[in-house]
Each structure stands twice: as structure tokens, then as C-alpha cells.
N, C-alpha and C. Protein backbone atom coordinates (compact mmCIF):
# COMPACT_ATOMS: atom_id res chain seq x y z
N MET A 1 0.83 -1.18 0.00
CA MET A 1 0.00 0.00 0.00
C MET A 1 0.89 1.25 0.00
N LYS A 2 0.66 2.09 -0.98
CA LYS A 2 1.44 3.33 -1.09
C LYS A 2 0.85 4.39 -0.17
N ARG A 3 1.74 5.06 0.56
CA ARG A 3 1.32 6.11 1.49
C ARG A 3 1.70 7.48 0.94
N ASP A 4 0.89 8.44 1.26
CA ASP A 4 1.26 9.83 1.02
C ASP A 4 1.72 10.40 2.35
N TYR A 5 2.96 10.83 2.39
CA TYR A 5 3.52 11.38 3.62
C TYR A 5 3.36 12.90 3.63
N ALA A 6 3.16 13.43 4.79
CA ALA A 6 3.05 14.88 4.94
C ALA A 6 4.40 15.53 4.71
N ASN A 7 4.38 16.69 4.12
CA ASN A 7 5.60 17.48 3.92
C ASN A 7 5.60 18.64 4.90
N TYR A 8 6.67 18.74 5.66
CA TYR A 8 6.82 19.81 6.64
C TYR A 8 8.14 20.53 6.40
N GLN A 9 8.14 21.81 6.64
CA GLN A 9 9.38 22.56 6.74
C GLN A 9 9.75 22.57 8.22
N VAL A 10 11.02 22.38 8.50
CA VAL A 10 11.49 22.32 9.89
C VAL A 10 11.97 23.70 10.30
N ALA A 11 11.54 24.11 11.50
CA ALA A 11 11.95 25.42 12.03
C ALA A 11 12.47 25.26 13.45
N LEU A 12 13.37 26.15 13.81
CA LEU A 12 13.96 26.16 15.15
C LEU A 12 13.63 27.50 15.79
N LYS A 13 13.17 27.48 17.04
CA LYS A 13 12.81 28.69 17.76
C LYS A 13 13.55 28.73 19.08
N LEU A 14 13.62 29.93 19.67
CA LEU A 14 14.37 30.12 20.91
C LEU A 14 13.50 30.75 21.98
N PHE A 15 13.39 30.07 23.12
CA PHE A 15 12.80 30.63 24.34
C PHE A 15 13.91 31.40 25.02
N LEU A 16 14.09 32.65 24.66
CA LEU A 16 15.18 33.46 25.21
C LEU A 16 14.72 34.03 26.55
N LYS A 17 15.34 33.54 27.62
CA LYS A 17 14.92 33.91 28.98
C LYS A 17 15.85 34.97 29.56
N ARG A 18 15.24 35.94 30.21
CA ARG A 18 15.97 36.96 30.97
C ARG A 18 15.28 37.02 32.33
N GLY A 19 15.92 36.41 33.32
CA GLY A 19 15.27 36.28 34.62
C GLY A 19 14.06 35.37 34.48
N ASN A 20 12.89 35.84 34.92
CA ASN A 20 11.68 35.02 34.81
C ASN A 20 10.83 35.41 33.60
N LYS A 21 11.43 36.14 32.66
CA LYS A 21 10.69 36.59 31.47
C LYS A 21 11.25 35.94 30.21
N ILE A 22 10.38 35.83 29.21
CA ILE A 22 10.74 35.25 27.91
C ILE A 22 10.51 36.30 26.83
N LEU A 23 11.41 36.35 25.87
CA LEU A 23 11.28 37.30 24.77
C LEU A 23 10.26 36.78 23.76
N PHE A 24 9.19 37.55 23.57
CA PHE A 24 8.19 37.26 22.55
C PHE A 24 8.23 38.37 21.51
N LEU A 25 8.02 37.99 20.25
CA LEU A 25 8.01 38.92 19.13
C LEU A 25 6.60 38.99 18.56
N LYS A 26 6.23 40.16 18.04
CA LYS A 26 4.92 40.34 17.39
C LYS A 26 5.10 40.32 15.88
N LEU A 27 4.29 39.50 15.22
CA LEU A 27 4.29 39.49 13.76
C LEU A 27 3.56 40.74 13.27
N PRO A 28 4.07 41.41 12.24
CA PRO A 28 3.54 42.72 11.86
C PRO A 28 2.10 42.74 11.37
N GLU A 29 1.72 41.85 10.49
CA GLU A 29 0.38 41.94 9.91
C GLU A 29 -0.69 41.29 10.78
N SER A 30 -0.38 40.16 11.35
CA SER A 30 -1.38 39.41 12.12
C SER A 30 -1.42 39.82 13.59
N GLY A 31 -0.31 40.35 14.12
CA GLY A 31 -0.24 40.68 15.54
C GLY A 31 -0.09 39.47 16.44
N LEU A 32 0.19 38.30 15.84
CA LEU A 32 0.34 37.08 16.62
C LEU A 32 1.71 37.05 17.29
N TRP A 33 1.79 36.28 18.39
CA TRP A 33 3.07 36.11 19.07
C TRP A 33 3.94 35.13 18.30
N ASP A 34 5.23 35.36 18.37
CA ASP A 34 6.21 34.49 17.75
C ASP A 34 7.45 34.48 18.64
N LEU A 35 8.34 33.56 18.37
CA LEU A 35 9.63 33.51 19.05
C LEU A 35 10.72 33.74 18.02
N PRO A 36 11.89 34.21 18.44
CA PRO A 36 12.98 34.33 17.49
C PRO A 36 13.38 32.97 16.94
N GLY A 37 13.74 32.94 15.68
CA GLY A 37 14.15 31.70 15.03
C GLY A 37 13.50 31.59 13.66
N GLY A 38 13.72 30.47 13.01
CA GLY A 38 13.14 30.31 11.68
C GLY A 38 13.44 28.96 11.07
N ARG A 39 13.17 28.87 9.77
CA ARG A 39 13.25 27.60 9.06
C ARG A 39 14.67 27.27 8.60
N ILE A 40 14.88 26.00 8.38
CA ILE A 40 16.16 25.51 7.86
C ILE A 40 16.17 25.74 6.35
N ASP A 41 17.22 26.41 5.86
CA ASP A 41 17.36 26.68 4.43
C ASP A 41 17.80 25.41 3.69
N ASN A 42 17.56 25.38 2.37
CA ASN A 42 17.95 24.23 1.54
C ASN A 42 19.43 23.90 1.64
N VAL A 43 20.28 24.90 1.75
CA VAL A 43 21.73 24.68 1.80
C VAL A 43 22.22 24.26 3.18
N GLU A 44 21.32 24.15 4.15
CA GLU A 44 21.72 23.84 5.52
C GLU A 44 21.37 22.41 5.95
N THR A 45 21.21 21.52 4.98
CA THR A 45 20.80 20.16 5.33
C THR A 45 21.81 19.41 6.19
N HIS A 46 23.07 19.81 6.14
CA HIS A 46 24.10 19.16 6.96
C HIS A 46 24.70 20.10 8.00
N THR A 47 24.14 21.28 8.12
CA THR A 47 24.62 22.26 9.10
C THR A 47 24.09 21.89 10.48
N PRO A 48 24.93 21.95 11.51
CA PRO A 48 24.44 21.67 12.87
C PRO A 48 23.27 22.60 13.23
N LEU A 49 22.28 22.04 13.91
CA LEU A 49 21.08 22.81 14.25
C LEU A 49 21.41 24.07 15.05
N ARG A 50 22.38 23.98 15.94
CA ARG A 50 22.75 25.15 16.75
C ARG A 50 23.27 26.30 15.88
N LYS A 51 23.97 25.96 14.79
CA LYS A 51 24.47 27.00 13.89
C LYS A 51 23.32 27.63 13.10
N ILE A 52 22.36 26.81 12.72
CA ILE A 52 21.19 27.33 12.00
C ILE A 52 20.42 28.29 12.90
N LEU A 53 20.20 27.89 14.14
CA LEU A 53 19.48 28.75 15.07
C LEU A 53 20.26 30.04 15.32
N ALA A 54 21.58 29.95 15.43
CA ALA A 54 22.41 31.14 15.63
C ALA A 54 22.25 32.11 14.45
N ARG A 55 22.21 31.57 13.22
CA ARG A 55 22.01 32.41 12.04
C ARG A 55 20.67 33.13 12.12
N GLU A 56 19.63 32.40 12.47
CA GLU A 56 18.29 32.99 12.57
C GLU A 56 18.24 34.08 13.64
N ILE A 57 18.89 33.85 14.77
CA ILE A 57 18.89 34.84 15.85
C ILE A 57 19.61 36.11 15.40
N ARG A 58 20.74 35.96 14.72
CA ARG A 58 21.45 37.13 14.18
C ARG A 58 20.55 37.91 13.22
N GLU A 59 19.85 37.19 12.34
CA GLU A 59 18.99 37.83 11.35
C GLU A 59 17.82 38.57 12.01
N GLU A 60 17.23 37.97 13.02
CA GLU A 60 16.00 38.53 13.60
C GLU A 60 16.23 39.48 14.77
N LEU A 61 17.30 39.29 15.53
CA LEU A 61 17.53 40.12 16.72
C LEU A 61 18.76 41.01 16.61
N GLY A 62 19.59 40.80 15.60
CA GLY A 62 20.80 41.60 15.44
C GLY A 62 22.04 40.86 15.91
N VAL A 63 23.18 41.36 15.50
CA VAL A 63 24.45 40.67 15.76
C VAL A 63 24.97 40.89 17.18
N LYS A 64 24.42 41.85 17.91
CA LYS A 64 24.94 42.17 19.24
C LYS A 64 24.34 41.34 20.36
N VAL A 65 23.27 40.62 20.10
CA VAL A 65 22.62 39.83 21.15
C VAL A 65 23.45 38.59 21.45
N LYS A 66 23.81 38.44 22.70
CA LYS A 66 24.57 37.28 23.17
C LYS A 66 23.66 36.43 24.06
N TYR A 67 23.75 35.12 23.89
CA TYR A 67 22.92 34.21 24.67
C TYR A 67 23.63 32.89 24.84
N GLU A 68 23.15 32.13 25.78
CA GLU A 68 23.66 30.78 26.03
C GLU A 68 22.55 29.81 25.62
N LEU A 69 22.85 28.92 24.68
CA LEU A 69 21.85 28.00 24.16
C LEU A 69 21.77 26.75 25.01
N GLY A 70 20.55 26.35 25.32
CA GLY A 70 20.32 25.14 26.10
C GLY A 70 19.77 24.02 25.25
N LYS A 71 18.97 23.19 25.86
CA LYS A 71 18.44 21.98 25.21
C LYS A 71 17.09 22.26 24.56
N PRO A 72 16.63 21.34 23.70
CA PRO A 72 15.28 21.45 23.15
C PRO A 72 14.25 21.28 24.27
N LEU A 73 13.18 22.07 24.22
CA LEU A 73 12.15 22.04 25.26
C LEU A 73 10.88 21.33 24.82
N PHE A 74 10.36 21.70 23.65
CA PHE A 74 9.13 21.08 23.15
C PHE A 74 9.00 21.35 21.66
N GLN A 75 8.03 20.65 21.04
CA GLN A 75 7.76 20.81 19.61
C GLN A 75 6.28 21.04 19.40
N PHE A 76 5.97 21.62 18.25
CA PHE A 76 4.58 21.75 17.82
C PHE A 76 4.55 21.93 16.31
N ARG A 77 3.36 21.78 15.75
CA ARG A 77 3.16 21.97 14.31
C ARG A 77 2.23 23.16 14.10
N ARG A 78 2.40 23.81 12.96
CA ARG A 78 1.48 24.88 12.59
C ARG A 78 1.56 25.11 11.09
N LYS A 79 0.48 25.65 10.56
CA LYS A 79 0.47 26.02 9.15
C LYS A 79 1.14 27.38 9.01
N ALA A 80 1.98 27.50 8.02
CA ALA A 80 2.65 28.78 7.77
C ALA A 80 1.61 29.79 7.29
N LEU A 81 1.69 31.01 7.79
CA LEU A 81 0.71 32.04 7.44
C LEU A 81 0.68 32.37 5.96
N SER A 82 1.84 32.55 5.36
CA SER A 82 1.90 33.04 3.99
C SER A 82 2.19 31.95 2.96
N ARG A 83 2.21 30.71 3.40
CA ARG A 83 2.55 29.62 2.48
C ARG A 83 1.51 28.50 2.58
N LYS A 84 1.55 27.63 1.58
CA LYS A 84 0.65 26.48 1.60
C LYS A 84 1.39 25.26 2.12
N THR A 85 2.02 25.43 3.25
CA THR A 85 2.81 24.35 3.83
C THR A 85 2.66 24.38 5.35
N TYR A 86 3.16 23.34 5.96
CA TYR A 86 3.14 23.25 7.42
C TYR A 86 4.56 23.26 7.94
N ASN A 87 4.71 23.71 9.17
CA ASN A 87 6.01 23.74 9.82
C ASN A 87 6.00 22.81 11.02
N LEU A 88 7.12 22.17 11.27
CA LEU A 88 7.37 21.43 12.51
C LEU A 88 8.43 22.24 13.24
N LEU A 89 8.08 22.76 14.41
CA LEU A 89 8.96 23.67 15.14
C LEU A 89 9.48 23.02 16.41
N THR A 90 10.77 23.17 16.65
CA THR A 90 11.41 22.75 17.90
C THR A 90 11.85 24.00 18.62
N VAL A 91 11.44 24.12 19.88
CA VAL A 91 11.77 25.28 20.70
C VAL A 91 12.92 24.92 21.64
N TYR A 92 13.99 25.69 21.57
CA TYR A 92 15.16 25.51 22.43
C TYR A 92 15.13 26.54 23.56
N GLU A 93 15.72 26.16 24.69
CA GLU A 93 15.86 27.14 25.75
C GLU A 93 17.13 27.94 25.51
N GLY A 94 17.11 29.17 25.96
CA GLY A 94 18.28 30.03 25.86
C GLY A 94 18.26 31.05 26.98
N ARG A 95 19.44 31.45 27.41
CA ARG A 95 19.55 32.45 28.48
C ARG A 95 20.20 33.70 27.89
N TYR A 96 19.46 34.79 27.97
CA TYR A 96 19.96 36.08 27.48
C TYR A 96 21.16 36.50 28.31
N LEU A 97 22.23 36.92 27.65
CA LEU A 97 23.43 37.38 28.34
C LEU A 97 23.62 38.88 28.22
N SER A 98 23.52 39.40 26.98
CA SER A 98 23.74 40.84 26.79
C SER A 98 23.39 41.22 25.36
N GLY A 99 23.46 42.52 25.10
CA GLY A 99 23.31 43.03 23.74
C GLY A 99 21.98 43.68 23.47
N GLU A 100 22.04 44.69 22.61
CA GLU A 100 20.83 45.41 22.22
C GLU A 100 20.09 44.63 21.13
N ILE A 101 18.78 44.53 21.30
CA ILE A 101 17.95 43.85 20.31
C ILE A 101 17.60 44.83 19.20
N LYS A 102 17.89 44.43 17.96
CA LYS A 102 17.53 45.22 16.78
C LYS A 102 16.71 44.32 15.87
N LEU A 103 15.41 44.48 15.93
CA LEU A 103 14.51 43.60 15.18
C LEU A 103 14.65 43.78 13.67
N SER A 104 14.53 42.67 12.96
CA SER A 104 14.45 42.72 11.50
C SER A 104 13.02 43.12 11.12
N SER A 105 12.77 43.26 9.84
CA SER A 105 11.43 43.64 9.37
C SER A 105 10.43 42.50 9.51
N GLU A 106 10.89 41.31 9.89
CA GLU A 106 9.98 40.17 10.06
C GLU A 106 9.05 40.34 11.26
N HIS A 107 9.44 41.21 12.21
CA HIS A 107 8.63 41.40 13.41
C HIS A 107 8.43 42.89 13.67
N ALA A 108 7.26 43.22 14.22
CA ALA A 108 6.90 44.62 14.46
C ALA A 108 7.43 45.14 15.79
N SER A 109 7.46 44.28 16.80
CA SER A 109 7.89 44.71 18.13
C SER A 109 8.26 43.49 18.94
N TYR A 110 8.76 43.75 20.15
CA TYR A 110 9.08 42.65 21.06
C TYR A 110 8.71 43.03 22.48
N GLU A 111 8.57 42.01 23.30
CA GLU A 111 8.22 42.23 24.70
C GLU A 111 8.78 41.10 25.54
N TRP A 112 9.36 41.45 26.69
CA TRP A 112 9.79 40.45 27.66
C TRP A 112 8.58 40.15 28.54
N ILE A 113 8.12 38.91 28.51
CA ILE A 113 6.87 38.55 29.19
C ILE A 113 7.12 37.51 30.27
N ASN A 114 6.54 37.75 31.43
CA ASN A 114 6.52 36.76 32.50
C ASN A 114 5.29 35.89 32.29
N PRO A 115 5.45 34.61 31.95
CA PRO A 115 4.30 33.75 31.67
C PRO A 115 3.33 33.62 32.85
N LYS A 116 3.80 33.80 34.06
CA LYS A 116 2.90 33.74 35.22
C LYS A 116 1.98 34.95 35.29
N ALA A 117 2.43 36.07 34.78
CA ALA A 117 1.69 37.32 34.89
C ALA A 117 0.90 37.68 33.63
N TYR A 118 1.07 36.92 32.56
CA TYR A 118 0.42 37.24 31.29
C TYR A 118 -0.62 36.18 30.97
N LYS A 119 -1.78 36.59 30.55
CA LYS A 119 -2.86 35.66 30.20
C LYS A 119 -2.84 35.42 28.69
N PHE A 120 -2.17 34.34 28.28
CA PHE A 120 -2.13 33.99 26.86
C PHE A 120 -3.49 33.46 26.42
N LYS A 121 -3.85 33.78 25.17
CA LYS A 121 -5.11 33.31 24.59
C LYS A 121 -4.80 32.53 23.31
N GLU A 122 -5.68 31.63 22.97
CA GLU A 122 -5.47 30.82 21.76
C GLU A 122 -5.33 31.71 20.52
N LYS A 123 -6.08 32.80 20.48
CA LYS A 123 -6.04 33.69 19.31
C LYS A 123 -4.72 34.44 19.17
N ASP A 124 -3.85 34.37 20.19
CA ASP A 124 -2.53 35.01 20.12
C ASP A 124 -1.52 34.21 19.31
N PHE A 125 -1.88 32.97 18.95
CA PHE A 125 -0.96 32.06 18.28
C PHE A 125 -1.53 31.61 16.94
N MET A 126 -0.68 31.04 16.09
CA MET A 126 -1.10 30.62 14.76
C MET A 126 -1.97 29.37 14.77
N SER A 127 -1.84 28.55 15.81
CA SER A 127 -2.62 27.31 15.83
C SER A 127 -2.96 26.93 17.26
N LYS A 128 -3.98 26.11 17.39
CA LYS A 128 -4.37 25.60 18.70
C LYS A 128 -3.25 24.73 19.27
N GLU A 129 -2.63 23.92 18.43
CA GLU A 129 -1.54 23.06 18.89
C GLU A 129 -0.38 23.89 19.45
N GLU A 130 -0.07 24.99 18.80
CA GLU A 130 0.99 25.87 19.29
C GLU A 130 0.61 26.46 20.65
N TYR A 131 -0.59 26.98 20.75
CA TYR A 131 -1.08 27.54 22.01
C TYR A 131 -1.01 26.51 23.13
N LEU A 132 -1.49 25.30 22.87
CA LEU A 132 -1.50 24.26 23.90
C LEU A 132 -0.08 23.85 24.30
N ALA A 133 0.85 23.84 23.35
CA ALA A 133 2.24 23.50 23.67
C ALA A 133 2.83 24.53 24.63
N PHE A 134 2.56 25.80 24.37
CA PHE A 134 3.06 26.86 25.26
C PHE A 134 2.42 26.76 26.63
N ILE A 135 1.10 26.60 26.68
CA ILE A 135 0.38 26.54 27.96
C ILE A 135 0.84 25.34 28.78
N GLU A 136 1.04 24.20 28.13
CA GLU A 136 1.51 23.01 28.85
C GLU A 136 2.90 23.25 29.43
N TYR A 137 3.78 23.84 28.64
CA TYR A 137 5.13 24.12 29.14
C TYR A 137 5.07 25.09 30.32
N PHE A 138 4.31 26.17 30.18
CA PHE A 138 4.22 27.16 31.26
C PHE A 138 3.63 26.56 32.53
N SER A 139 2.64 25.69 32.38
CA SER A 139 2.00 25.10 33.57
C SER A 139 2.96 24.18 34.33
N LYS A 140 3.91 23.60 33.63
CA LYS A 140 4.87 22.70 34.28
C LYS A 140 6.06 23.44 34.89
N TYR A 141 6.50 24.51 34.24
CA TYR A 141 7.78 25.11 34.61
C TYR A 141 7.70 26.55 35.10
N TYR A 142 6.50 27.13 35.15
CA TYR A 142 6.36 28.51 35.64
C TYR A 142 5.31 28.59 36.71
């Protein structure tokens, strides 16, 4: 029996923590929450994941941001807003060390959010699965 397999683009995201707060980014047109990071490019099929994530962080937050990268925390799937494809995202932990954040045009603004003090809503995220992944993580670790 022949199967049709789903096609996903793989993306890496960073839970950049500063004290008890996490850096969240706002997408410009939708106003949805996002994390720094992005998809693996075609030429990066053999590039270590940490280097890919470092490239994305430089592109989205600027070259001056220094952080310490930790382990993968959780995964979720979502449909890409502007494409007819789905993404499989892995979120890594990271600890902010220093540097001024200079957002790229991919995001409108940023905010350091304490998950205990902020009431996240499903409509703040691209998918229900994404929202539930965040809420589950926060309920266990915050």
C-alpha cells in the first residue's frame, strides 16, 4: 500500500529567557506572538542545528545579542501564514546574556513577558496546537 507522507518545513525557535521573562516577538500583519528563530534553508541540510538557530537569531535580533543556548524544550506543528505548507517547530531554551535587540522587518515589536503574569489566549498564536504546547510548558515550569 502506497502512502502519502506529509511534507513539513522544519523550524527552530528560541525561548530566550531573561530572569523570569521570555522574549516574545509580534508578527507585523497578524499581531500574533512568535519567538525568534526560523526555518532551515535548503543549503543547511548538513549544518548543525545550533548554527542554524544562531544564524536565525542574528537575522532577527541583530548581531549584538549574546545568549547561552540550552536543550530542546518542546515541539509543535502549525500552518505557515503566507505559504501552503506546514512547519514542525522545535523550541530551544536560551539564556539572554547581553546586547541590544535590533529587530528585522519580520517582526513589528518585542516584549519580555513573565508567563505567570500574562494571560495567553489561543487567538494570540497561529494554531491551537501551538497555544497548547506553550500553555503546557508554562504550567509545568512557571
